Amino acid sequence: MDPELLSLLVTRTMPFGKYQGRLIADLPGPYLAWFARKGFPPGELGRLLALMHELDHNGLASLLAPLRKTGAGKVGQGK
């Protein structure tokens, strides 16, 4: 698993929709599952959502806790 991508999960925010402005790491599981069924958006955002879905679905979201503690989640803004 790419540490850079994990770091992005706690720094990038959802750029649109109901959860606009929320960190990718904080998106609810059912929302991520909806994207998994309907299709993830193209590009980096889609890759991040797919990764977060895998972490959430497999009960591995706690892997992000150390990144949050180091301050990696303070940026908050997406591209």
PDB file of N, CA and C in Angstrom:
ATOM      1  N   MET A   1       0.846  -1.173   0.000  1.00  0.00           N
ATOM      2  CA  MET A   1       0.000   0.000   0.000  1.00  0.00           C
ATOM      3  C   MET A   1       0.893   1.238   0.000  1.00  0.00           C
ATOM      4  N   ASP A   2       0.583   2.183  -0.844  1.00  0.00           N
ATOM      5  CA  ASP A   2       1.381   3.393  -1.015  1.00  0.00           C
ATOM      6  C   ASP A   2       1.134   4.371   0.144  1.00  0.00           C
ATOM      7  N   PRO A   3       2.164   4.676   0.946  1.00  0.00           N
ATOM      8  CA  PRO A   3       1.996   5.608   2.070  1.00  0.00           C
ATOM      9  C   PRO A   3       1.525   6.992   1.622  1.00  0.00           C
ATOM     10  N   GLU A   4       1.941   7.401   0.433  1.00  0.00           N
ATOM     11  CA  GLU A   4       1.514   8.702  -0.098  1.00  0.00           C
ATOM     12  C   GLU A   4      -0.005   8.733  -0.278  1.00  0.00           C
ATOM     13  N   LEU A   5      -0.563   7.660  -0.817  1.00  0.00           N
ATOM     14  CA  LEU A   5      -2.015   7.598  -0.996  1.00  0.00           C
ATOM     15  C   LEU A   5      -2.735   7.589   0.345  1.00  0.00           C
ATOM     16  N   LEU A   6      -2.197   6.865   1.310  1.00  0.00           N
ATOM     17  CA  LEU A   6      -2.809   6.856   2.642  1.00  0.00           C
ATOM     18  C   LEU A   6      -2.809   8.255   3.242  1.00  0.00           C
ATOM     19  N   SER A   7      -1.719   8.979   3.053  1.00  0.00           N
ATOM     20  CA  SER A   7      -1.631  10.346   3.553  1.00  0.00           C
ATOM     21  C   SER A   7      -2.666  11.248   2.878  1.00  0.00           C
ATOM     22  N   LEU A   8      -2.892  11.029   1.598  1.00  0.00           N
ATOM     23  CA  LEU A   8      -3.877  11.840   0.877  1.00  0.00           C
ATOM     24  C   LEU A   8      -5.295  11.616   1.402  1.00  0.00           C
ATOM     25  N   LEU A   9      -5.572  10.426   1.905  1.00  0.00           N
ATOM     26  CA  LEU A   9      -6.911  10.149   2.436  1.00  0.00           C
ATOM     27  C   LEU A   9      -7.253  11.047   3.616  1.00  0.00           C
ATOM     28  N   VAL A  10      -6.246  11.471   4.369  1.00  0.00           N
ATOM     29  CA  VAL A  10      -6.501  12.327   5.534  1.00  0.00           C
ATOM     30  C   VAL A  10      -6.194  13.796   5.253  1.00  0.00           C
ATOM     31  N   THR A  11      -5.935  14.125   3.978  1.00  0.00           N
ATOM     32  CA  THR A  11      -5.695  15.530   3.629  1.00  0.00           C
ATOM     33  C   THR A  11      -6.628  16.043   2.542  1.00  0.00           C
ATOM     34  N   ARG A  12      -7.126  15.166   1.705  1.00  0.00           N
ATOM     35  CA  ARG A  12      -8.005  15.588   0.609  1.00  0.00           C
ATOM     36  C   ARG A  12      -9.454  15.566   1.048  1.00  0.00           C
ATOM     37  N   THR A  13     -10.197  16.530   0.538  1.00  0.00           N
ATOM     38  CA  THR A  13     -11.620  16.602   0.855  1.00  0.00           C
ATOM     39  C   THR A  13     -12.447  16.233  -0.365  1.00  0.00           C
ATOM     40  N   MET A  14     -13.667  15.824  -0.095  1.00  0.00           N
ATOM     41  CA  MET A  14     -14.604  15.493  -1.164  1.00  0.00           C
ATOM     42  C   MET A  14     -14.991  16.795  -1.853  1.00  0.00           C
ATOM     43  N   PRO A  15     -14.782  16.905  -3.172  1.00  0.00           N
ATOM     44  CA  PRO A  15     -14.992  18.178  -3.853  1.00  0.00           C
ATOM     45  C   PRO A  15     -16.433  18.465  -4.264  1.00  0.00           C
ATOM     46  N   PHE A  16     -17.346  17.511  -4.107  1.00  0.00           N
ATOM     47  CA  PHE A  16     -18.718  17.725  -4.570  1.00  0.00           C
ATOM     48  C   PHE A  16     -19.679  16.839  -3.782  1.00  0.00           C
ATOM     49  N   GLY A  17     -20.957  17.104  -3.979  1.00  0.00           N
ATOM     50  CA  GLY A  17     -21.997  16.238  -3.430  1.00  0.00           C
ATOM     51  C   GLY A  17     -22.351  16.499  -1.978  1.00  0.00           C
ATOM     52  N   LYS A  18     -23.105  15.577  -1.433  1.00  0.00           N
ATOM     53  CA  LYS A  18     -23.631  15.677  -0.071  1.00  0.00           C
ATOM     54  C   LYS A  18     -22.533  15.857   0.968  1.00  0.00           C
ATOM     55  N   TYR A  19     -21.377  15.256   0.725  1.00  0.00           N
ATOM     56  CA  TYR A  19     -20.279  15.301   1.696  1.00  0.00           C
ATOM     57  C   TYR A  19     -19.146  16.225   1.247  1.00  0.00           C
ATOM     58  N   GLN A  20     -19.480  17.211   0.430  1.00  0.00           N
ATOM     59  CA  GLN A  20     -18.478  18.176  -0.029  1.00  0.00           C
ATOM     60  C   GLN A  20     -17.781  18.811   1.174  1.00  0.00           C
ATOM     61  N   GLY A  21     -16.445  18.854   1.111  1.00  0.00           N
ATOM     62  CA  GLY A  21     -15.664  19.458   2.181  1.00  0.00           C
ATOM     63  C   GLY A  21     -15.229  18.488   3.267  1.00  0.00           C
ATOM     64  N   ARG A  22     -15.770  17.286   3.274  1.00  0.00           N
ATOM     65  CA  ARG A  22     -15.394  16.289   4.286  1.00  0.00           C
ATOM     66  C   ARG A  22     -14.155  15.529   3.810  1.00  0.00           C
ATOM     67  N   LEU A  23     -13.256  15.225   4.740  1.00  0.00           N
ATOM     68  CA  LEU A  23     -12.078  14.439   4.384  1.00  0.00           C
ATOM     69  C   LEU A  23     -12.501  13.101   3.784  1.00  0.00           C
ATOM     70  N   ILE A  24     -11.758  12.643   2.780  1.00  0.00           N
ATOM     71  CA  ILE A  24     -12.041  11.345   2.165  1.00  0.00           C
ATOM     72  C   ILE A  24     -12.060  10.257   3.246  1.00  0.00           C
ATOM     73  N   ALA A  25     -11.152  10.337   4.196  1.00  0.00           N
ATOM     74  CA  ALA A  25     -11.074   9.339   5.272  1.00  0.00           C
ATOM     75  C   ALA A  25     -12.306   9.347   6.170  1.00  0.00           C
ATOM     76  N   ASP A  26     -13.076  10.431   6.156  1.00  0.00           N
ATOM     77  CA  ASP A  26     -14.244  10.546   7.028  1.00  0.00           C
ATOM     78  C   ASP A  26     -15.571  10.290   6.314  1.00  0.00           C
ATOM     79  N   LEU A  27     -15.509   9.869   5.056  1.00  0.00           N
ATOM     80  CA  LEU A  27     -16.747   9.583   4.329  1.00  0.00           C
ATOM     81  C   LEU A  27     -17.385   8.308   4.876  1.00  0.00           C
ATOM     82  N   PRO A  28     -18.722   8.291   4.980  1.00  0.00           N
ATOM     83  CA  PRO A  28     -19.389   7.100   5.523  1.00  0.00           C
ATOM     84  C   PRO A  28     -19.293   5.898   4.579  1.00  0.00           C
ATOM     85  N   GLY A  29     -19.234   4.715   5.170  1.00  0.00           N
ATOM     86  CA  GLY A  29     -19.138   3.475   4.414  1.00  0.00           C
ATOM     87  C   GLY A  29     -20.213   3.299   3.350  1.00  0.00           C
ATOM     88  N   PRO A  30     -21.488   3.579   3.668  1.00  0.00           N
ATOM     89  CA  PRO A  30     -22.526   3.409   2.644  1.00  0.00           C
ATOM     90  C   PRO A  30     -22.320   4.315   1.422  1.00  0.00           C
ATOM     91  N   TYR A  31     -21.776   5.496   1.635  1.00  0.00           N
ATOM     92  CA  TYR A  31     -21.488   6.409   0.518  1.00  0.00           C
ATOM     93  C   TYR A  31     -20.384   5.823  -0.354  1.00  0.00           C
ATOM     94  N   LEU A  32     -19.344   5.287   0.277  1.00  0.00           N
ATOM     95  CA  LEU A  32     -18.255   4.654  -0.468  1.00  0.00           C
ATOM     96  C   LEU A  32     -18.757   3.410  -1.199  1.00  0.00           C
ATOM     97  N   ALA A  33     -19.638   2.651  -0.564  1.00  0.00           N
ATOM     98  CA  ALA A  33     -20.199   1.453  -1.193  1.00  0.00           C
ATOM     99  C   ALA A  33     -21.050   1.831  -2.401  1.00  0.00           C
ATOM    100  N   TRP A  34     -21.750   2.956  -2.330  1.00  0.00           N
ATOM    101  CA  TRP A  34     -22.542   3.421  -3.469  1.00  0.00           C
ATOM    102  C   TRP A  34     -21.629   3.683  -4.664  1.00  0.00           C
ATOM    103  N   PHE A  35     -20.508   4.361  -4.425  1.00  0.00           N
ATOM    104  CA  PHE A  35     -19.549   4.592  -5.509  1.00  0.00           C
ATOM    105  C   PHE A  35     -19.023   3.267  -6.052  1.00  0.00           C
ATOM    106  N   ALA A  36     -18.777   2.308  -5.176  1.00  0.00           N
ATOM    107  CA  ALA A  36     -18.266   1.007  -5.619  1.00  0.00           C
ATOM    108  C   ALA A  36     -19.266   0.325  -6.558  1.00  0.00           C
ATOM    109  N   ARG A  37     -20.550   0.493  -6.278  1.00  0.00           N
ATOM    110  CA  ARG A  37     -21.584  -0.105  -7.133  1.00  0.00           C
ATOM    111  C   ARG A  37     -21.779   0.668  -8.431  1.00  0.00           C
ATOM    112  N   LYS A  38     -21.786   1.991  -8.346  1.00  0.00           N
ATOM    113  CA  LYS A  38     -22.103   2.840  -9.502  1.00  0.00           C
ATOM    114  C   LYS A  38     -20.887   3.200 -10.339  1.00  0.00           C
ATOM    115  N   GLY A  39     -19.708   3.129  -9.741  1.00  0.00           N
ATOM    116  CA  GLY A  39     -18.480   3.490 -10.445  1.00  0.00           C
ATOM    117  C   GLY A  39     -17.814   4.694  -9.802  1.00  0.00           C
ATOM    118  N   PHE A  40     -16.529   4.567  -9.569  1.00  0.00           N
ATOM    119  CA  PHE A  40     -15.764   5.665  -8.985  1.00  0.00           C
ATOM    120  C   PHE A  40     -15.459   6.692 -10.066  1.00  0.00           C
ATOM    121  N   PRO A  41     -15.348   7.970  -9.698  1.00  0.00           N
ATOM    122  CA  PRO A  41     -14.988   8.980 -10.695  1.00  0.00           C
ATOM    123  C   PRO A  41     -13.574   8.723 -11.224  1.00  0.00           C
ATOM    124  N   PRO A  42     -13.268   9.277 -12.381  1.00  0.00           N
ATOM    125  CA  PRO A  42     -11.932   9.064 -12.948  1.00  0.00           C
ATOM    126  C   PRO A  42     -10.859   9.823 -12.170  1.00  0.00           C
ATOM    127  N   GLY A  43      -9.635   9.435 -12.390  1.00  0.00           N
ATOM    128  CA  GLY A  43      -8.497  10.170 -11.845  1.00  0.00           C
ATOM    129  C   GLY A  43      -8.186   9.865 -10.398  1.00  0.00           C
ATOM    130  N   GLU A  44      -7.444  10.799  -9.809  1.00  0.00           N
ATOM    131  CA  GLU A  44      -6.963  10.615  -8.441  1.00  0.00           C
ATOM    132  C   GLU A  44      -8.106  10.475  -7.440  1.00  0.00           C
ATOM    133  N   LEU A  45      -9.150  11.276  -7.606  1.00  0.00           N
ATOM    134  CA  LEU A  45     -10.273  11.191  -6.675  1.00  0.00           C
ATOM    135  C   LEU A  45     -10.863   9.784  -6.664  1.00  0.00           C
ATOM    136  N   GLY A  46     -11.060   9.212  -7.828  1.00  0.00           N
ATOM    137  CA  GLY A  46     -11.599   7.860  -7.911  1.00  0.00           C
ATOM    138  C   GLY A  46     -10.693   6.835  -7.255  1.00  0.00           C
ATOM    139  N   ARG A  47      -9.382   6.995  -7.453  1.00  0.00           N
ATOM    140  CA  ARG A  47      -8.429   6.071  -6.822  1.00  0.00           C
ATOM    141  C   ARG A  47      -8.485   6.190  -5.303  1.00  0.00           C
ATOM    142  N   LEU A  48      -8.604   7.420  -4.806  1.00  0.00           N
ATOM    143  CA  LEU A  48      -8.674   7.624  -3.357  1.00  0.00           C
ATOM    144  C   LEU A  48      -9.972   7.064  -2.776  1.00  0.00           C
ATOM    145  N   LEU A  49     -11.078   7.290  -3.470  1.00  0.00           N
ATOM    146  CA  LEU A  49     -12.353   6.754  -2.993  1.00  0.00           C
ATOM    147  C   LEU A  49     -12.342   5.228  -2.999  1.00  0.00           C
ATOM    148  N   ALA A  50     -11.766   4.637  -4.034  1.00  0.00           N
ATOM    149  CA  ALA A  50     -11.682   3.175  -4.106  1.00  0.00           C
ATOM    150  C   ALA A  50     -10.814   2.626  -2.975  1.00  0.00           C
ATOM    151  N   LEU A  51      -9.699   3.289  -2.713  1.00  0.00           N
ATOM    152  CA  LEU A  51      -8.825   2.855  -1.623  1.00  0.00           C
ATOM    153  C   LEU A  51      -9.540   2.974  -0.281  1.00  0.00           C
ATOM    154  N   MET A  52     -10.225   4.094  -0.064  1.00  0.00           N
ATOM    155  CA  MET A  52     -10.931   4.276   1.207  1.00  0.00           C
ATOM    156  C   MET A  52     -12.043   3.244   1.347  1.00  0.00           C
ATOM    157  N   HIS A  53     -12.715   2.921   0.253  1.00  0.00           N
ATOM    158  CA  HIS A  53     -13.748   1.887   0.298  1.00  0.00           C
ATOM    159  C   HIS A  53     -13.144   0.549   0.721  1.00  0.00           C
ATOM    160  N   GLU A  54     -12.006   0.193   0.158  1.00  0.00           N
ATOM    161  CA  GLU A  54     -11.353  -1.072   0.519  1.00  0.00           C
ATOM    162  C   GLU A  54     -10.955  -1.093   1.994  1.00  0.00           C
ATOM    163  N   LEU A  55     -10.398   0.013   2.463  1.00  0.00           N
ATOM    164  CA  LEU A  55     -10.013   0.091   3.878  1.00  0.00           C
ATOM    165  C   LEU A  55     -11.236  -0.045   4.777  1.00  0.00           C
ATOM    166  N   ASP A  56     -12.295   0.698   4.450  1.00  0.00           N
ATOM    167  CA  ASP A  56     -13.509   0.676   5.258  1.00  0.00           C
ATOM    168  C   ASP A  56     -14.165  -0.707   5.214  1.00  0.00           C
ATOM    169  N   HIS A  57     -14.303  -1.246   4.030  1.00  0.00           N
ATOM    170  CA  HIS A  57     -14.979  -2.537   3.843  1.00  0.00           C
ATOM    171  C   HIS A  57     -14.257  -3.670   4.575  1.00  0.00           C
ATOM    172  N   ASN A  58     -12.947  -3.593   4.631  1.00  0.00           N
ATOM    173  CA  ASN A  58     -12.153  -4.645   5.270  1.00  0.00           C
ATOM    174  C   ASN A  58     -11.775  -4.328   6.718  1.00  0.00           C
ATOM    175  N   GLY A  59     -12.371  -3.277   7.274  1.00  0.00           N
ATOM    176  CA  GLY A  59     -12.131  -2.940   8.671  1.00  0.00           C
ATOM    177  C   GLY A  59     -10.729  -2.434   8.958  1.00  0.00           C
ATOM    178  N   LEU A  60     -10.113  -1.794   7.971  1.00  0.00           N
ATOM    179  CA  LEU A  60      -8.730  -1.336   8.124  1.00  0.00           C
ATOM    180  C   LEU A  60      -8.597   0.189   8.212  1.00  0.00           C
ATOM    181  N   ALA A  61      -9.699   0.890   8.394  1.00  0.00           N
ATOM    182  CA  ALA A  61      -9.643   2.351   8.461  1.00  0.00           C
ATOM    183  C   ALA A  61      -8.760   2.835   9.609  1.00  0.00           C
ATOM    184  N   SER A  62      -8.565   1.999  10.621  1.00  0.00           N
ATOM    185  CA  SER A  62      -7.710   2.390  11.753  1.00  0.00           C
ATOM    186  C   SER A  62      -6.254   2.590  11.333  1.00  0.00           C
ATOM    187  N   LEU A  63      -5.871   2.087  10.164  1.00  0.00           N
ATOM    188  CA  LEU A  63      -4.514   2.326   9.657  1.00  0.00           C
ATOM    189  C   LEU A  63      -4.234   3.815   9.464  1.00  0.00           C
ATOM    190  N   LEU A  64      -5.286   4.608   9.348  1.00  0.00           N
ATOM    191  CA  LEU A  64      -5.121   6.044   9.113  1.00  0.00           C
ATOM    192  C   LEU A  64      -4.900   6.831  10.401  1.00  0.00           C
ATOM    193  N   ALA A  65      -5.166   6.227  11.552  1.00  0.00           N
ATOM    194  CA  ALA A  65      -5.048   6.935  12.834  1.00  0.00           C
ATOM    195  C   ALA A  65      -3.673   7.558  13.055  1.00  0.00           C
ATOM    196  N   PRO A  66      -2.574   6.854  12.809  1.00  0.00           N
ATOM    197  CA  PRO A  66      -1.258   7.486  13.014  1.00  0.00           C
ATOM    198  C   PRO A  66      -1.031   8.692  12.100  1.00  0.00           C
ATOM    199  N   LEU A  67      -1.603   8.654  10.904  1.00  0.00           N
ATOM    200  CA  LEU A  67      -1.452   9.787   9.987  1.00  0.00           C
ATOM    201  C   LEU A  67      -2.215  11.002  10.496  1.00  0.00           C
ATOM    202  N   ARG A  68      -3.352  10.755  11.105  1.00  0.00           N
ATOM    203  CA  ARG A  68      -4.124  11.865  11.675  1.00  0.00           C
ATOM    204  C   ARG A  68      -3.359  12.491  12.843  1.00  0.00           C
ATOM    205  N   LYS A  69      -2.716  11.652  13.661  1.00  0.00           N
ATOM    206  CA  LYS A  69      -1.986  12.137  14.837  1.00  0.00           C
ATOM    207  C   LYS A  69      -0.751  12.944  14.467  1.00  0.00           C
ATOM    208  N   THR A  70      -0.152  12.646  13.312  1.00  0.00           N
ATOM    209  CA  THR A  70       1.056  13.371  12.905  1.00  0.00           C
ATOM    210  C   THR A  70       0.735  14.711  12.272  1.00  0.00           C
ATOM    211  N   GLY A  71      -0.552  14.997  12.120  1.00  0.00           N
ATOM    212  CA  GLY A  71      -0.924  16.268  11.525  1.00  0.00           C
ATOM    213  C   GLY A  71      -1.100  16.207  10.033  1.00  0.00           C
ATOM    214  N   ALA A  72      -1.041  15.015   9.453  1.00  0.00           N
ATOM    215  CA  ALA A  72      -1.204  14.889   8.008  1.00  0.00           C
ATOM    216  C   ALA A  72      -2.589  15.330   7.571  1.00  0.00           C
ATOM    217  N   GLY A  73      -3.550  15.318   8.483  1.00  0.00           N
ATOM    218  CA  GLY A  73      -4.913  15.682   8.125  1.00  0.00           C
ATOM    219  C   GLY A  73      -5.233  17.152   8.246  1.00  0.00           C
ATOM    220  N   LYS A  74      -4.244  18.003   8.473  1.00  0.00           N
ATOM    221  CA  LYS A  74      -4.521  19.418   8.695  1.00  0.00           C
ATOM    222  C   LYS A  74      -4.660  20.232   7.417  1.00  0.00           C
ATOM    223  N   VAL A  75      -4.248  19.695   6.292  1.00  0.00           N
ATOM    224  CA  VAL A  75      -4.301  20.453   5.044  1.00  0.00           C
ATOM    225  C   VAL A  75      -5.733  20.634   4.598  1.00  0.00           C
ATOM    226  N   GLY A  76      -6.457  19.513   4.409  1.00  0.00           N
ATOM    227  CA  GLY A  76      -7.883  19.565   4.155  1.00  0.00           C
ATOM    228  C   GLY A  76      -8.334  19.894   2.756  1.00  0.00           C
ATOM    229  N   GLN A  77      -7.560  20.533   1.938  1.00  0.00           N
ATOM    230  CA  GLN A  77      -8.023  20.955   0.626  1.00  0.00           C
ATOM    231  C   GLN A  77      -7.594  19.992  -0.458  1.00  0.00           C
ATOM    232  N   GLY A  78      -8.527  19.688  -1.347  1.00  0.00           N
ATOM    233  CA  GLY A  78      -8.226  18.853  -2.502  1.00  0.00           C
ATOM    234  C   GLY A  78      -7.638  19.678  -3.619  1.00  0.00           C
ATOM    235  N   LYS A  79      -7.285  19.009  -4.697  1.00  0.00           N
ATOM    236  CA  LYS A  79      -6.737  19.706  -5.870  1.00  0.00           C
ATOM    237  C   LYS A  79      -7.844  20.307  -6.677  1.00  0.00           C
TER     238      LYS A  79
END
